[in-house]
């Protein structure tokens, strides 16, 4: 093969590979979700935020993690909860409680899998000024 052609081909392959590998992972934002903050306060360096979240049947929270701890109760509907290894770590129905750890090591998704909307009452305990959640890409589970 011609040395110039070999150099051009190698450069093109290197560029194509680096472009493919450098592509940012797409975050999976919430789908069919409506949320209302019912109250919030800050004390001793923590934000306490209480929200009611409604997710339509088939909707989801999207893959995400929280900077702090989350405590929730399923008020109505059915919540299917997955970890980033794609395993189910809970199926929750009305009246059941759920807790979630904080930090990027606990990426997860919640999905509304019942025939009626899922309604959650959620207390976030976050470092003051932190977002409620950070979006994350699908870790390879194939659903969002």
N, C-alpha and C. Protein backbone atom coordinates (compact mmCIF):
# COMPACT_ATOMS: atom_id res chain seq x y z
N UNK A 1 0.85 -1.18 0.00
CA UNK A 1 0.00 0.00 0.00
C UNK A 1 0.90 1.24 0.00
N UNK A 2 0.48 2.25 -0.69
CA UNK A 2 1.16 3.53 -0.78
C UNK A 2 1.31 4.13 0.62
N UNK A 3 2.53 4.60 1.02
CA UNK A 3 2.73 5.15 2.37
C UNK A 3 1.81 6.34 2.67
N UNK A 4 1.55 7.20 1.68
CA UNK A 4 0.65 8.34 1.90
C UNK A 4 -0.77 7.85 2.16
N UNK A 5 -1.21 6.89 1.36
CA UNK A 5 -2.55 6.34 1.53
C UNK A 5 -2.66 5.66 2.90
N UNK A 6 -1.65 4.94 3.33
CA UNK A 6 -1.64 4.28 4.63
C UNK A 6 -1.73 5.30 5.75
N UNK A 7 -0.99 6.40 5.64
CA UNK A 7 -1.03 7.46 6.65
C UNK A 7 -2.40 8.11 6.72
N UNK A 8 -2.98 8.41 5.56
CA UNK A 8 -4.31 9.05 5.52
C UNK A 8 -5.37 8.10 6.08
N UNK A 9 -5.28 6.82 5.71
CA UNK A 9 -6.24 5.83 6.22
C UNK A 9 -6.11 5.70 7.73
N UNK A 10 -4.90 5.61 8.23
CA UNK A 10 -4.68 5.49 9.69
C UNK A 10 -5.22 6.72 10.42
N UNK A 11 -4.97 7.91 9.84
CA UNK A 11 -5.46 9.14 10.47
C UNK A 11 -6.98 9.17 10.48
N UNK A 12 -7.60 8.75 9.39
CA UNK A 12 -9.07 8.74 9.31
C UNK A 12 -9.65 7.76 10.32
N UNK A 13 -9.06 6.58 10.46
CA UNK A 13 -9.54 5.60 11.43
C UNK A 13 -9.36 6.10 12.86
N UNK A 14 -8.23 6.74 13.14
CA UNK A 14 -7.98 7.29 14.46
C UNK A 14 -9.00 8.37 14.80
N UNK A 15 -9.29 9.25 13.84
CA UNK A 15 -10.27 10.31 14.05
C UNK A 15 -11.65 9.73 14.27
N UNK A 16 -12.03 8.75 13.47
CA UNK A 16 -13.35 8.14 13.62
C UNK A 16 -13.48 7.47 14.98
N UNK A 17 -12.46 6.74 15.40
CA UNK A 17 -12.51 6.06 16.70
C UNK A 17 -12.55 7.05 17.84
N UNK A 18 -11.75 8.11 17.77
CA UNK A 18 -11.73 9.07 18.87
C UNK A 18 -13.04 9.85 18.94
N UNK A 19 -13.66 10.11 17.79
CA UNK A 19 -14.94 10.81 17.78
C UNK A 19 -16.01 9.92 18.40
N UNK A 20 -16.02 8.65 18.03
CA UNK A 20 -17.01 7.72 18.58
C UNK A 20 -16.82 7.56 20.08
N UNK A 21 -15.60 7.44 20.53
CA UNK A 21 -15.34 7.24 21.96
C UNK A 21 -15.56 8.51 22.77
N UNK A 22 -15.41 9.67 22.17
CA UNK A 22 -15.54 10.92 22.89
C UNK A 22 -16.98 11.42 22.96
N UNK A 23 -17.89 10.75 22.27
CA UNK A 23 -19.28 11.20 22.28
C UNK A 23 -19.82 11.15 23.70
N UNK A 24 -20.46 12.23 24.16
CA UNK A 24 -20.97 12.23 25.52
C UNK A 24 -22.16 11.29 25.67
N UNK A 25 -22.27 10.66 26.82
CA UNK A 25 -23.41 9.80 27.10
C UNK A 25 -24.64 10.68 27.27
N UNK A 26 -25.73 10.24 26.73
CA UNK A 26 -26.96 11.02 26.79
C UNK A 26 -27.66 10.79 28.13
N UNK A 27 -27.99 11.86 28.79
CA UNK A 27 -28.76 11.76 30.03
C UNK A 27 -30.18 11.32 29.69
N UNK A 28 -30.84 10.75 30.64
CA UNK A 28 -32.22 10.30 30.44
C UNK A 28 -33.12 11.08 31.38
N UNK A 29 -33.64 12.22 30.93
CA UNK A 29 -34.47 13.05 31.79
C UNK A 29 -35.80 12.38 32.12
N UNK A 30 -36.49 12.90 33.13
CA UNK A 30 -37.80 12.35 33.49
C UNK A 30 -38.77 12.41 32.31
N UNK A 31 -39.72 11.46 32.32
CA UNK A 31 -40.73 11.39 31.26
C UNK A 31 -42.12 11.30 31.89
N UNK A 32 -43.01 12.21 31.49
CA UNK A 32 -44.40 12.24 31.96
C UNK A 32 -44.49 12.43 33.48
N UNK A 33 -43.68 13.38 33.98
CA UNK A 33 -43.60 13.66 35.41
C UNK A 33 -44.07 15.08 35.70
N UNK A 34 -44.84 15.23 36.76
CA UNK A 34 -45.25 16.55 37.25
C UNK A 34 -44.95 16.57 38.74
N UNK A 35 -44.34 17.65 39.22
CA UNK A 35 -43.97 17.71 40.63
C UNK A 35 -44.27 19.10 41.20
N UNK A 36 -44.66 19.10 42.46
CA UNK A 36 -44.96 20.34 43.17
C UNK A 36 -44.24 20.33 44.52
N UNK A 37 -43.52 21.41 44.81
CA UNK A 37 -42.89 21.54 46.13
C UNK A 37 -43.98 21.97 47.11
N UNK A 38 -44.18 21.19 48.16
CA UNK A 38 -45.19 21.49 49.17
C UNK A 38 -44.62 22.37 50.28
N UNK A 39 -43.36 22.14 50.64
CA UNK A 39 -42.66 23.02 51.59
C UNK A 39 -41.17 22.76 51.50
N UNK A 40 -40.41 23.74 51.97
CA UNK A 40 -38.96 23.59 52.02
C UNK A 40 -38.39 24.47 53.12
N UNK A 41 -37.25 24.03 53.65
CA UNK A 41 -36.55 24.80 54.67
C UNK A 41 -35.08 24.40 54.67
N UNK A 42 -34.25 25.27 55.23
CA UNK A 42 -32.82 24.98 55.37
C UNK A 42 -32.48 25.08 56.85
N UNK A 43 -31.72 24.09 57.34
CA UNK A 43 -31.32 24.08 58.74
C UNK A 43 -30.00 23.32 58.86
N UNK A 44 -29.07 23.90 59.60
CA UNK A 44 -27.79 23.25 59.91
C UNK A 44 -27.08 22.73 58.65
N UNK A 45 -27.11 23.52 57.58
CA UNK A 45 -26.39 23.16 56.37
C UNK A 45 -27.09 22.18 55.45
N UNK A 46 -28.33 21.85 55.76
CA UNK A 46 -29.09 20.93 54.90
C UNK A 46 -30.37 21.59 54.42
N UNK A 47 -30.76 21.27 53.18
CA UNK A 47 -32.06 21.65 52.64
C UNK A 47 -33.00 20.48 52.87
N UNK A 48 -34.20 20.77 53.33
CA UNK A 48 -35.27 19.79 53.49
C UNK A 48 -36.37 20.23 52.54
N UNK A 49 -36.65 19.41 51.55
CA UNK A 49 -37.62 19.77 50.53
C UNK A 49 -38.63 18.64 50.42
N UNK A 50 -39.91 19.00 50.58
CA UNK A 50 -40.99 18.01 50.51
C UNK A 50 -41.78 18.26 49.25
N UNK A 51 -41.84 17.24 48.38
CA UNK A 51 -42.53 17.38 47.09
C UNK A 51 -43.55 16.26 46.90
N UNK A 52 -44.55 16.57 46.10
CA UNK A 52 -45.45 15.53 45.62
C UNK A 52 -45.15 15.37 44.13
N UNK A 53 -44.88 14.14 43.72
CA UNK A 53 -44.50 13.84 42.35
C UNK A 53 -45.54 12.90 41.76
N UNK A 54 -46.04 13.25 40.58
CA UNK A 54 -46.98 12.39 39.87
C UNK A 54 -46.34 11.96 38.56
N UNK A 55 -46.36 10.65 38.31
CA UNK A 55 -45.79 10.08 37.09
C UNK A 55 -46.90 9.31 36.39
N UNK A 56 -47.18 9.68 35.14
CA UNK A 56 -48.22 9.02 34.37
C UNK A 56 -47.84 7.56 34.12
N UNK A 57 -48.83 6.69 33.90
CA UNK A 57 -48.51 5.30 33.57
C UNK A 57 -47.55 5.24 32.38
N UNK A 58 -46.50 4.45 32.52
CA UNK A 58 -45.48 4.35 31.49
C UNK A 58 -44.38 5.39 31.60
N UNK A 59 -44.54 6.39 32.46
CA UNK A 59 -43.54 7.43 32.64
C UNK A 59 -42.44 6.98 33.60
N UNK A 60 -41.40 7.81 33.70
CA UNK A 60 -40.30 7.46 34.60
C UNK A 60 -39.58 8.70 35.11
N UNK A 61 -38.79 8.48 36.13
CA UNK A 61 -37.95 9.54 36.69
C UNK A 61 -36.73 9.81 35.82
N UNK A 62 -36.44 8.90 34.88
CA UNK A 62 -35.18 8.95 34.15
C UNK A 62 -34.07 8.47 35.08
N UNK A 63 -32.95 8.07 34.51
CA UNK A 63 -31.81 7.63 35.32
C UNK A 63 -31.22 8.85 36.01
N UNK A 64 -30.96 8.73 37.30
CA UNK A 64 -30.47 9.87 38.07
C UNK A 64 -29.90 9.39 39.40
N UNK A 65 -29.34 10.34 40.13
CA UNK A 65 -28.95 10.10 41.52
C UNK A 65 -29.21 11.39 42.29
N UNK A 66 -29.23 11.29 43.60
CA UNK A 66 -29.47 12.43 44.47
C UNK A 66 -28.20 12.78 45.24
N UNK A 67 -27.95 14.06 45.49
CA UNK A 67 -26.77 14.42 46.27
C UNK A 67 -26.92 14.09 47.76
N UNK A 68 -28.15 13.91 48.20
CA UNK A 68 -28.41 13.58 49.60
C UNK A 68 -29.36 12.39 49.70
N UNK A 69 -29.93 12.23 50.86
CA UNK A 69 -30.85 11.11 51.10
C UNK A 69 -32.27 11.49 50.71
N UNK A 70 -33.06 10.49 50.35
CA UNK A 70 -34.45 10.68 49.97
C UNK A 70 -35.31 9.69 50.75
N UNK A 71 -36.41 10.18 51.28
CA UNK A 71 -37.40 9.33 51.96
C UNK A 71 -38.73 9.58 51.26
N UNK A 72 -39.45 8.52 50.89
CA UNK A 72 -40.68 8.71 50.14
C UNK A 72 -41.75 7.70 50.56
N UNK A 73 -42.99 8.05 50.25
CA UNK A 73 -44.12 7.16 50.42
C UNK A 73 -44.90 7.13 49.11
N UNK A 74 -45.30 5.94 48.72
CA UNK A 74 -46.17 5.80 47.55
C UNK A 74 -47.59 6.09 48.01
N UNK A 75 -48.14 7.16 47.50
CA UNK A 75 -49.50 7.56 47.87
C UNK A 75 -50.53 6.83 47.00
N UNK A 76 -50.21 6.69 45.69
CA UNK A 76 -51.10 5.99 44.75
C UNK A 76 -50.24 5.36 43.67
N UNK A 77 -50.75 4.30 43.07
CA UNK A 77 -50.08 3.70 41.92
C UNK A 77 -49.03 2.67 42.29
N UNK A 78 -48.19 2.33 41.29
CA UNK A 78 -47.17 1.29 41.45
C UNK A 78 -45.83 1.83 40.94
N UNK A 79 -44.79 1.73 41.78
CA UNK A 79 -43.43 2.16 41.45
C UNK A 79 -42.54 0.94 41.29
N UNK A 80 -41.87 0.85 40.13
CA UNK A 80 -40.86 -0.17 39.91
C UNK A 80 -39.52 0.55 39.93
N UNK A 81 -38.61 0.10 40.79
CA UNK A 81 -37.35 0.80 41.04
C UNK A 81 -36.18 -0.09 40.65
N UNK A 82 -35.26 0.45 39.82
CA UNK A 82 -34.11 -0.31 39.33
C UNK A 82 -32.81 0.35 39.75
N UNK A 83 -31.80 -0.47 40.04
CA UNK A 83 -30.43 0.00 40.26
C UNK A 83 -29.71 0.09 38.93
N UNK A 84 -28.51 0.67 38.94
CA UNK A 84 -27.74 0.85 37.71
C UNK A 84 -27.19 -0.46 37.15
N UNK A 85 -27.28 -1.56 37.88
CA UNK A 85 -26.90 -2.87 37.32
C UNK A 85 -28.10 -3.53 36.65
N UNK A 86 -29.19 -2.78 36.52
CA UNK A 86 -30.44 -3.19 35.86
C UNK A 86 -31.32 -4.07 36.74
N UNK A 87 -30.86 -4.42 37.93
CA UNK A 87 -31.67 -5.25 38.81
C UNK A 87 -32.80 -4.44 39.43
N UNK A 88 -33.90 -5.12 39.72
CA UNK A 88 -35.02 -4.49 40.41
C UNK A 88 -34.70 -4.52 41.90
N UNK A 89 -34.76 -3.34 42.53
CA UNK A 89 -34.53 -3.32 43.98
C UNK A 89 -35.79 -2.95 44.73
N UNK A 90 -36.93 -2.95 44.04
CA UNK A 90 -38.19 -2.73 44.73
C UNK A 90 -39.36 -2.57 43.80
N UNK A 91 -40.49 -3.11 44.23
CA UNK A 91 -41.78 -2.88 43.61
C UNK A 91 -42.67 -2.38 44.74
N UNK A 92 -43.10 -1.13 44.63
CA UNK A 92 -43.79 -0.47 45.73
C UNK A 92 -45.20 -0.09 45.31
N UNK A 93 -46.15 -0.30 46.22
CA UNK A 93 -47.55 0.06 45.98
C UNK A 93 -48.00 1.06 47.04
N UNK A 94 -49.19 1.58 46.87
CA UNK A 94 -49.73 2.59 47.79
C UNK A 94 -49.55 2.17 49.25
N UNK A 95 -49.04 3.10 50.05
CA UNK A 95 -48.83 2.88 51.47
C UNK A 95 -47.42 2.42 51.82
N UNK A 96 -46.62 2.04 50.84
CA UNK A 96 -45.27 1.58 51.13
C UNK A 96 -44.27 2.74 51.08
N UNK A 97 -43.22 2.61 51.88
CA UNK A 97 -42.17 3.62 51.95
C UNK A 97 -40.94 3.15 51.19
N UNK A 98 -40.15 4.12 50.73
CA UNK A 98 -38.90 3.85 50.03
C UNK A 98 -37.85 4.84 50.52
N UNK A 99 -36.62 4.37 50.63
CA UNK A 99 -35.50 5.27 50.93
C UNK A 99 -34.47 5.09 49.82
N UNK A 100 -33.77 6.18 49.52
CA UNK A 100 -32.71 6.13 48.52
C UNK A 100 -31.47 6.79 49.10
N UNK A 101 -30.34 6.14 48.87
CA UNK A 101 -29.06 6.70 49.27
C UNK A 101 -28.70 7.85 48.34
N UNK A 102 -27.76 8.66 48.76
CA UNK A 102 -27.30 9.75 47.92
C UNK A 102 -25.96 9.45 47.30
N UNK A 103 -25.64 10.21 46.25
CA UNK A 103 -24.33 10.14 45.62
C UNK A 103 -24.34 9.47 44.27
N UNK A 104 -23.32 9.77 43.46
CA UNK A 104 -23.24 9.23 42.11
C UNK A 104 -23.04 7.72 42.06
N UNK A 105 -22.74 7.09 43.18
CA UNK A 105 -22.63 5.64 43.24
C UNK A 105 -23.98 4.95 43.35
N UNK A 106 -25.06 5.72 43.42
CA UNK A 106 -26.40 5.14 43.54
C UNK A 106 -27.31 5.68 42.43
N UNK A 107 -26.91 5.42 41.20
CA UNK A 107 -27.74 5.78 40.05
C UNK A 107 -28.90 4.79 39.99
N UNK A 108 -30.09 5.30 39.72
CA UNK A 108 -31.29 4.47 39.72
C UNK A 108 -32.38 5.12 38.86
N UNK A 109 -33.46 4.39 38.68
CA UNK A 109 -34.62 4.89 37.94
C UNK A 109 -35.88 4.37 38.62
N UNK A 110 -36.92 5.19 38.62
CA UNK A 110 -38.23 4.79 39.10
C UNK A 110 -39.21 4.87 37.94
N UNK A 111 -40.01 3.84 37.78
CA UNK A 111 -40.97 3.82 36.66
C UNK A 111 -42.38 3.56 37.17
N UNK A 112 -43.34 4.24 36.58
CA UNK A 112 -44.75 4.04 36.89
C UNK A 112 -45.26 2.90 36.04
N UNK A 113 -45.54 1.76 36.67
CA UNK A 113 -45.91 0.56 35.90
C UNK A 113 -47.35 0.12 36.11
N UNK A 114 -48.12 0.85 36.88
CA UNK A 114 -49.51 0.48 37.08
C UNK A 114 -50.41 1.13 36.05
N UNK A 115 -51.70 0.81 36.10
CA UNK A 115 -52.66 1.37 35.14
C UNK A 115 -53.08 2.81 35.47
N UNK A 116 -52.73 3.28 36.67
CA UNK A 116 -53.09 4.63 37.09
C UNK A 116 -51.82 5.41 37.40
N UNK A 117 -51.90 6.72 37.48
CA UNK A 117 -50.71 7.51 37.80
C UNK A 117 -50.09 7.11 39.14
N UNK A 118 -48.77 7.21 39.19
CA UNK A 118 -48.01 7.00 40.42
C UNK A 118 -47.90 8.34 41.12
N UNK A 119 -48.25 8.38 42.40
CA UNK A 119 -48.12 9.61 43.18
C UNK A 119 -47.20 9.30 44.36
N UNK A 120 -46.10 10.07 44.44
CA UNK A 120 -45.13 9.91 45.51
C UNK A 120 -45.10 11.16 46.36
N UNK A 121 -44.94 11.00 47.66
CA UNK A 121 -44.65 12.11 48.55
C UNK A 121 -43.22 11.90 49.00
N UNK A 122 -42.37 12.90 48.71
CA UNK A 122 -40.93 12.72 48.83
C UNK A 122 -40.30 13.81 49.68
N UNK A 123 -39.45 13.40 50.63
CA UNK A 123 -38.64 14.33 51.41
C UNK A 123 -37.19 14.16 50.99
N UNK A 124 -36.60 15.24 50.47
CA UNK A 124 -35.19 15.27 50.10
C UNK A 124 -34.43 15.91 51.25
N UNK A 125 -33.32 15.29 51.64
CA UNK A 125 -32.42 15.87 52.63
C UNK A 125 -31.06 16.01 51.94
N UNK A 126 -30.79 17.22 51.49
CA UNK A 126 -29.61 17.49 50.67
C UNK A 126 -28.69 18.50 51.32
N UNK A 127 -27.43 18.49 50.94
CA UNK A 127 -26.56 19.60 51.34
C UNK A 127 -27.18 20.91 50.82
N UNK A 128 -27.11 21.95 51.61
CA UNK A 128 -27.73 23.23 51.23
C UNK A 128 -27.27 23.67 49.85
N UNK A 129 -28.24 24.03 49.00
CA UNK A 129 -27.96 24.53 47.66
C UNK A 129 -27.79 23.47 46.60
N UNK A 130 -27.78 22.20 46.98
CA UNK A 130 -27.59 21.12 46.00
C UNK A 130 -28.88 20.92 45.20
N UNK A 131 -28.77 20.41 43.97
CA UNK A 131 -29.98 20.12 43.19
C UNK A 131 -30.71 18.93 43.80
N UNK A 132 -31.96 18.77 43.45
CA UNK A 132 -32.72 17.62 43.96
C UNK A 132 -32.18 16.31 43.38
N UNK A 133 -31.75 16.37 42.13
CA UNK A 133 -31.21 15.18 41.47
C UNK A 133 -30.30 15.61 40.33
N UNK A 134 -29.42 14.70 39.95
CA UNK A 134 -28.56 14.88 38.78
C UNK A 134 -28.89 13.78 37.79
N UNK A 135 -29.21 14.17 36.54
CA UNK A 135 -29.50 13.19 35.50
C UNK A 135 -28.27 12.34 35.21
N UNK A 136 -28.52 11.11 34.80
CA UNK A 136 -27.44 10.18 34.45
C UNK A 136 -27.84 9.45 33.16
N UNK A 137 -26.85 8.95 32.43
CA UNK A 137 -27.17 8.18 31.23
C UNK A 137 -27.71 6.79 31.60
N UNK A 138 -28.43 6.20 30.68
CA UNK A 138 -28.86 4.82 30.84
C UNK A 138 -27.59 3.96 30.98
N UNK A 139 -27.44 3.23 32.07
CA UNK A 139 -26.22 2.44 32.27
C UNK A 139 -26.15 1.18 31.41
N UNK A 140 -27.06 1.07 30.46
CA UNK A 140 -27.05 -0.09 29.56
C UNK A 140 -28.25 -1.00 29.76
N UNK A 141 -29.23 -0.55 30.50
CA UNK A 141 -30.40 -1.38 30.77
C UNK A 141 -31.41 -1.35 29.62
N UNK A 142 -31.36 -0.32 28.79
CA UNK A 142 -32.24 -0.25 27.63
C UNK A 142 -33.61 0.33 27.88
N UNK A 143 -33.83 0.89 29.05
CA UNK A 143 -35.09 1.58 29.30
C UNK A 143 -34.81 2.86 30.06
N UNK A 144 -35.71 3.82 29.90
CA UNK A 144 -35.54 5.10 30.57
C UNK A 144 -36.86 5.63 31.05
